[in-house]
């Protein structure tokens, strides 16, 4: 089954110790371009997350947002600088002796002295966080793939319908070609009779002129190749994943044949069919640009 390069996936994982939220969204891109935004505390996991995603995503510009919230009760701790407390106490006691006043400093006052107390993060369990993050990323990736598959199904239906329309236009061109040659011969004969009056008509000369004209406007090779490209694209659509580039190349070849048919045509009906071909092929190329 084909996948669109456009997709969205989200997951939220909550445990007793943390809450992890992962969001992924993507648009079409020629290559696989992954941009990851993580909190500073998770910087050490960015490379591993990127490597994991590259193994599971073929093409597309993918933006990944990871949010982490620590739910543990002791995420921070108060640290006391013992040596600095002793120095402050000795200083206060010396002031008391010099000034001959009671040393009434309290522990609360000591704790408010600069750099005596500080808040520090409790060392995190990196392996635990890694397991939670990777699980959340995996869940988001699964939702992301499902989103791409749904969009891919829609693209496949649309392209298949347009290919059927292309085939009908090609058949109409093939049916119209003999009529043009026959009409040209009839007009040429009438014109020669008008000019020659009572004189005998050289039938071989008329046949030669008709042959030259038929060869000039002949699009048999182009219609045969175009039918072949249409069949090839239908087969590629059934191959499944990572077919976007191949489909794009086929669409380019189809457009080339349609251009040739239009350039050779001097018949309104064939020109209209060729324009319809080019219009639908361009729509197919636009859709193909979104396939992974």
Protein backbone atom coordinates (compact mmCIF):
# COMPACT_ATOMS: atom_id res chain seq x y z
CA UNK A 1 0.00 0.00 0.00
CA UNK A 2 1.34 3.42 -0.94
CA UNK A 3 1.91 6.13 1.65
CA UNK A 4 1.52 9.86 1.40
CA UNK A 5 4.38 12.04 2.60
CA UNK A 6 1.82 14.17 4.42
CA UNK A 7 0.95 12.82 7.85
CA UNK A 8 0.47 13.47 11.57
CA UNK A 9 0.98 11.31 14.64
CA UNK A 10 0.72 11.97 18.38
CA UNK A 11 1.22 9.96 21.53
CA UNK A 12 1.12 10.67 25.26
CA UNK A 13 2.71 8.32 27.77
CA UNK A 14 2.10 8.88 31.50
CA UNK A 15 3.78 6.88 34.27
CA UNK A 16 4.33 7.42 38.00
CA UNK A 17 7.63 9.15 37.32
CA UNK A 18 7.10 11.16 34.13
CA UNK A 19 4.84 12.31 31.33
CA UNK A 20 6.06 12.19 27.71
CA UNK A 21 4.25 13.77 24.75
CA UNK A 22 5.41 13.25 21.17
CA UNK A 23 3.97 14.92 18.06
CA UNK A 24 5.08 14.27 14.47
CA UNK A 25 3.95 16.03 11.33
CA UNK A 26 5.30 15.85 7.79
CA UNK A 27 4.98 17.40 4.34
CA UNK A 28 6.41 16.32 1.01
CA UNK A 29 10.16 16.62 0.42
CA UNK A 30 12.61 15.17 -2.06
CA UNK A 31 14.61 13.46 0.69
CA UNK A 32 14.14 12.41 4.31
CA UNK A 33 14.62 15.57 6.39
CA UNK A 34 13.93 15.13 10.12
CA UNK A 35 13.89 18.08 12.52
CA UNK A 36 13.65 17.21 16.25
CA UNK A 37 12.88 19.60 19.10
CA UNK A 38 13.51 18.25 22.60
CA UNK A 39 13.97 19.74 26.09
CA UNK A 40 17.58 20.36 27.10
CA UNK A 41 17.50 17.43 29.51
CA UNK A 42 16.84 15.07 26.57
CA UNK A 43 19.57 16.30 24.24
CA UNK A 44 21.52 13.07 24.73
CA UNK A 45 18.64 11.14 23.08
CA UNK A 46 18.26 13.26 19.94
CA UNK A 47 20.70 11.27 17.81
CA UNK A 48 19.13 7.95 18.76
CA UNK A 49 15.59 9.20 18.04
CA UNK A 50 16.73 10.56 14.67
CA UNK A 51 18.39 7.26 13.73
CA UNK A 52 15.26 5.32 14.70
CA UNK A 53 13.00 7.55 12.61
CA UNK A 54 15.27 7.46 9.55
CA UNK A 55 15.03 3.68 9.53
CA UNK A 56 11.23 3.88 9.44
CA UNK A 57 10.55 6.89 7.19
CA UNK A 58 11.49 6.92 3.52
CA UNK A 59 10.91 10.52 2.44
CA UNK A 60 9.37 13.74 3.69
CA UNK A 61 10.14 16.79 5.79
CA UNK A 62 9.29 15.60 9.30
CA UNK A 63 9.02 17.85 12.37
CA UNK A 64 9.13 16.02 15.71
CA UNK A 65 8.23 17.68 19.04
CA UNK A 66 9.02 15.88 22.30
CA UNK A 67 7.84 17.22 25.67
CA UNK A 68 8.97 15.73 28.98
CA UNK A 69 7.54 16.37 32.45
CA UNK A 70 9.04 14.91 35.62
CA UNK A 71 6.23 13.72 37.95
CA UNK A 72 8.42 12.30 40.71
CA UNK A 73 8.13 13.87 44.20
CA UNK A 74 11.85 14.45 44.60
CA UNK A 75 12.88 15.97 41.31
CA UNK A 76 14.99 18.58 43.14
CA UNK A 77 16.93 18.60 46.43
CA UNK A 78 18.36 21.25 48.77
CA UNK A 79 22.12 21.14 49.15
CA UNK A 80 23.99 22.86 51.97
CA UNK A 81 27.56 24.11 51.76
CA UNK A 82 28.89 22.84 55.11
CA UNK A 83 32.26 24.59 54.92
CA UNK A 84 30.64 27.92 54.08
CA UNK A 85 28.23 27.58 57.04
CA UNK A 86 31.19 27.07 59.41
CA UNK A 87 32.94 30.12 58.00
CA UNK A 88 29.83 32.24 58.43
CA UNK A 89 29.42 30.99 62.03
CA UNK A 90 33.04 31.75 62.93
CA UNK A 91 32.62 35.22 61.44
CA UNK A 92 29.47 35.92 63.47
CA UNK A 93 31.09 34.63 66.66
CA UNK A 94 34.11 36.86 66.09
CA UNK A 95 31.83 39.85 65.55
CA UNK A 96 30.10 39.01 68.85
CA UNK A 97 33.43 38.92 70.68
CA UNK A 98 34.77 42.11 69.16
CA UNK A 99 31.57 44.04 69.74
CA UNK A 100 30.91 42.37 73.09
CA UNK A 101 27.33 41.59 72.15
CA UNK A 102 25.44 38.27 72.37
CA UNK A 103 25.73 35.98 69.37
CA UNK A 104 22.02 35.67 68.52
CA UNK A 105 22.28 34.46 64.95
CA UNK A 106 19.72 31.71 64.19
CA UNK A 107 19.84 28.77 61.83
CA UNK A 108 17.22 30.47 59.68
CA UNK A 109 19.44 33.52 59.34
CA UNK A 110 22.42 31.31 58.57
CA UNK A 111 20.45 29.54 55.86
CA UNK A 112 19.73 32.85 54.16
CA UNK A 113 23.36 33.71 53.77
CA UNK A 114 24.60 33.76 50.19
CA UNK A 115 25.46 30.36 48.69
CA UNK A 116 24.74 28.46 51.91
CA UNK A 117 21.72 26.67 50.45
CA UNK A 118 21.13 25.79 46.79
CA UNK A 119 18.61 23.80 44.76
CA UNK A 120 19.89 21.00 42.60
CA UNK A 121 18.16 18.58 40.27
CA UNK A 122 18.11 15.01 41.45
CA UNK A 123 20.21 12.89 39.07
CA UNK A 124 17.87 11.38 36.47
CA UNK A 125 17.65 7.74 35.53
CA UNK A 126 18.68 8.12 31.88
CA UNK A 127 17.93 4.54 30.93
CA UNK A 128 14.40 4.79 32.32
CA UNK A 129 13.78 8.08 30.55
CA UNK A 130 15.19 6.64 27.32
CA UNK A 131 12.82 3.67 27.45
CA UNK A 132 9.82 5.95 28.04
CA UNK A 133 10.82 8.38 25.27
CA UNK A 134 11.43 5.64 22.71
CA UNK A 135 8.12 3.97 23.56
CA UNK A 136 6.28 7.27 23.10
CA UNK A 137 8.11 7.91 19.80
CA UNK A 138 7.17 4.40 18.59
CA UNK A 139 3.50 5.00 19.39
CA UNK A 140 3.53 8.38 17.65
CA UNK A 141 5.28 6.81 14.64
CA UNK A 142 2.58 4.14 14.39
CA UNK A 143 -0.16 6.79 14.36
CA UNK A 144 1.93 8.77 11.86
CA UNK A 145 2.15 5.78 9.49
CA UNK A 146 -1.59 5.15 9.76
CA UNK A 147 -2.24 8.76 8.82
CA UNK A 148 0.06 8.44 5.81
CA UNK A 149 -1.59 5.20 4.72
CA UNK A 150 -5.08 6.75 4.79
CA UNK A 151 -3.88 9.67 2.70
CA UNK A 152 -2.04 7.23 0.41
CA UNK A 153 -5.25 5.27 -0.23
CA UNK A 154 -6.98 8.48 -1.29
CA UNK A 155 -4.08 9.37 -3.61
CA UNK A 156 -4.09 5.90 -5.16
CA UNK A 157 -7.82 6.07 -5.93
CA UNK A 158 -7.48 9.50 -7.48
CA UNK A 159 -4.47 8.55 -9.62
CA UNK A 160 -6.15 5.31 -10.75
CA UNK A 161 -9.25 7.23 -11.87
CA UNK A 162 -7.11 9.71 -13.79
CA UNK A 163 -5.14 6.92 -15.48
CA UNK A 164 -8.43 5.44 -16.70
CA UNK A 165 -9.31 8.86 -18.14
CA UNK A 166 -5.92 9.03 -19.87
CA UNK A 167 -6.48 5.64 -21.46
CA UNK A 168 -9.89 6.72 -22.81
CA UNK A 169 -8.38 9.85 -24.36
CA UNK A 170 -5.58 7.83 -26.00
CA UNK A 171 -8.11 5.41 -27.49
CA UNK A 172 -10.15 8.33 -28.77
CA UNK A 173 -7.04 9.73 -30.49
CA UNK A 174 -6.30 6.35 -32.08
CA UNK A 175 -9.86 6.11 -33.38
CA UNK A 176 -9.81 9.64 -34.74
CA UNK A 177 -6.56 9.28 -36.71
CA UNK A 178 -7.95 7.12 -39.62
CA UNK A 179 -10.89 9.50 -39.91
CA UNK A 180 -8.52 12.46 -40.36
CA UNK A 181 -6.58 10.67 -43.12
CA UNK A 182 -9.79 9.66 -44.87
CA UNK A 183 -11.15 13.19 -44.61
CA UNK A 184 -7.90 14.62 -45.95
CA UNK A 185 -7.98 12.28 -48.96
CA UNK A 186 -11.57 13.20 -49.72
CA UNK A 187 -10.82 16.92 -49.56
CA UNK A 188 -7.66 16.54 -51.61
CA UNK A 189 -9.51 14.57 -54.31
CA UNK A 190 -12.30 17.15 -54.48
CA UNK A 191 -9.78 19.97 -54.74
CA UNK A 192 -7.83 18.24 -57.51
CA UNK A 193 -11.03 17.55 -59.46
CA UNK A 194 -11.97 21.17 -59.15
CA UNK A 195 -8.60 22.32 -60.45
CA UNK A 196 -8.22 19.66 -63.15
CA UNK A 197 -11.74 20.10 -64.50
CA UNK A 198 -12.21 17.53 -67.25
CA UNK A 199 -8.66 16.18 -67.14
CA UNK A 200 -7.88 12.76 -65.79
CA UNK A 201 -6.80 12.57 -62.14
CA UNK A 202 -3.49 10.90 -61.31
CA UNK A 203 -4.64 8.60 -58.52
CA UNK A 204 -1.09 7.59 -57.64
CA UNK A 205 -0.16 11.21 -56.96
CA UNK A 206 -3.11 11.61 -54.62
CA UNK A 207 -2.13 8.41 -52.80
CA UNK A 208 1.43 9.66 -52.42
CA UNK A 209 0.23 12.98 -50.99
CA UNK A 210 -2.09 11.20 -48.57
CA UNK A 211 0.75 8.92 -47.45
CA UNK A 212 3.02 11.92 -46.79
CA UNK A 213 0.29 13.67 -44.82
CA UNK A 214 -0.57 10.54 -42.84
CA UNK A 215 3.09 10.07 -41.93
CA UNK A 216 3.39 13.70 -40.86
CA UNK A 217 0.49 13.56 -38.42
CA UNK A 218 1.00 9.93 -37.35
CA UNK A 219 1.01 9.54 -33.54
CA UNK A 220 0.91 5.73 -33.39
CA UNK A 221 4.29 5.49 -31.67
CA UNK A 222 3.32 8.12 -29.11
CA UNK A 223 -0.04 6.50 -28.27
CA UNK A 224 1.56 3.04 -27.97
CA UNK A 225 4.23 4.38 -25.60
CA UNK A 226 1.65 6.37 -23.65
CA UNK A 227 -0.49 3.28 -23.17
CA UNK A 228 2.61 1.42 -22.02
CA UNK A 229 3.41 4.17 -19.47
CA UNK A 230 -0.18 4.10 -18.19
CA UNK A 231 -0.02 0.32 -17.70
CA UNK A 232 3.40 0.63 -16.05
CA UNK A 233 2.15 3.24 -13.58
CA UNK A 234 -0.84 1.04 -12.70
CA UNK A 235 1.55 -1.82 -11.96
CA UNK A 236 3.89 0.36 -9.89
CA UNK A 237 0.95 1.58 -7.80
CA UNK A 238 0.45 -2.02 -6.69
CA UNK A 239 4.07 -2.42 -5.60
CA UNK A 240 3.49 -0.63 -2.30
CA UNK A 241 5.96 1.56 -0.45
CA UNK A 242 8.70 3.94 -1.63
CA UNK A 243 7.43 4.32 -5.20
CA UNK A 244 7.12 8.12 -5.33
CA UNK A 245 10.28 8.76 -7.35
CA UNK A 246 9.49 5.99 -9.84
CA UNK A 247 5.98 7.34 -10.38
CA UNK A 248 7.37 10.82 -10.93
CA UNK A 249 9.72 9.56 -13.67
CA UNK A 250 6.87 7.74 -15.42
CA UNK A 251 4.68 10.86 -15.27
CA UNK A 252 7.48 12.88 -16.91
CA UNK A 253 7.62 10.38 -19.79
CA UNK A 254 3.83 10.49 -20.16
CA UNK A 255 3.93 14.27 -20.36
CA UNK A 256 6.60 14.09 -23.07
CA UNK A 257 4.41 11.84 -25.25
CA UNK A 258 1.37 14.09 -24.75
CA UNK A 259 3.41 17.11 -25.81
CA UNK A 260 4.48 15.33 -29.00
CA UNK A 261 0.89 14.36 -29.85
CA UNK A 262 -0.25 17.96 -29.36
CA UNK A 263 2.58 19.34 -31.50
CA UNK A 264 1.75 16.98 -34.40
CA UNK A 265 -1.95 17.57 -34.30
CA UNK A 266 -3.75 19.90 -36.71
CA UNK A 267 -7.14 18.44 -35.88
CA UNK A 268 -9.36 20.09 -33.29
CA UNK A 269 -10.67 16.83 -31.81
CA UNK A 270 -7.19 15.35 -31.33
CA UNK A 271 -5.90 18.66 -29.96
CA UNK A 272 -8.70 18.67 -27.38
CA UNK A 273 -7.91 15.11 -26.35
CA UNK A 274 -4.19 15.96 -26.12
CA UNK A 275 -4.95 18.97 -23.93
CA UNK A 276 -7.07 16.74 -21.68
CA UNK A 277 -4.13 14.33 -21.53
CA UNK A 278 -1.72 17.07 -20.48
CA UNK A 279 -4.18 18.41 -17.88
CA UNK A 280 -4.69 15.01 -16.24
CA UNK A 281 -1.00 14.13 -16.41
CA UNK A 282 -0.15 17.38 -14.64
CA UNK A 283 -2.70 16.56 -11.93
CA UNK A 284 -1.14 13.11 -11.58
CA UNK A 285 2.32 14.66 -11.23
CA UNK A 286 1.02 16.91 -8.46
CA UNK A 287 -0.41 13.91 -6.61
CA UNK A 288 2.75 11.86 -7.16
CA UNK A 289 4.80 14.60 -5.48
CA UNK A 290 3.03 13.67 -2.21
CA UNK A 291 3.80 9.94 -2.39
CA UNK A 292 6.65 8.58 -0.28
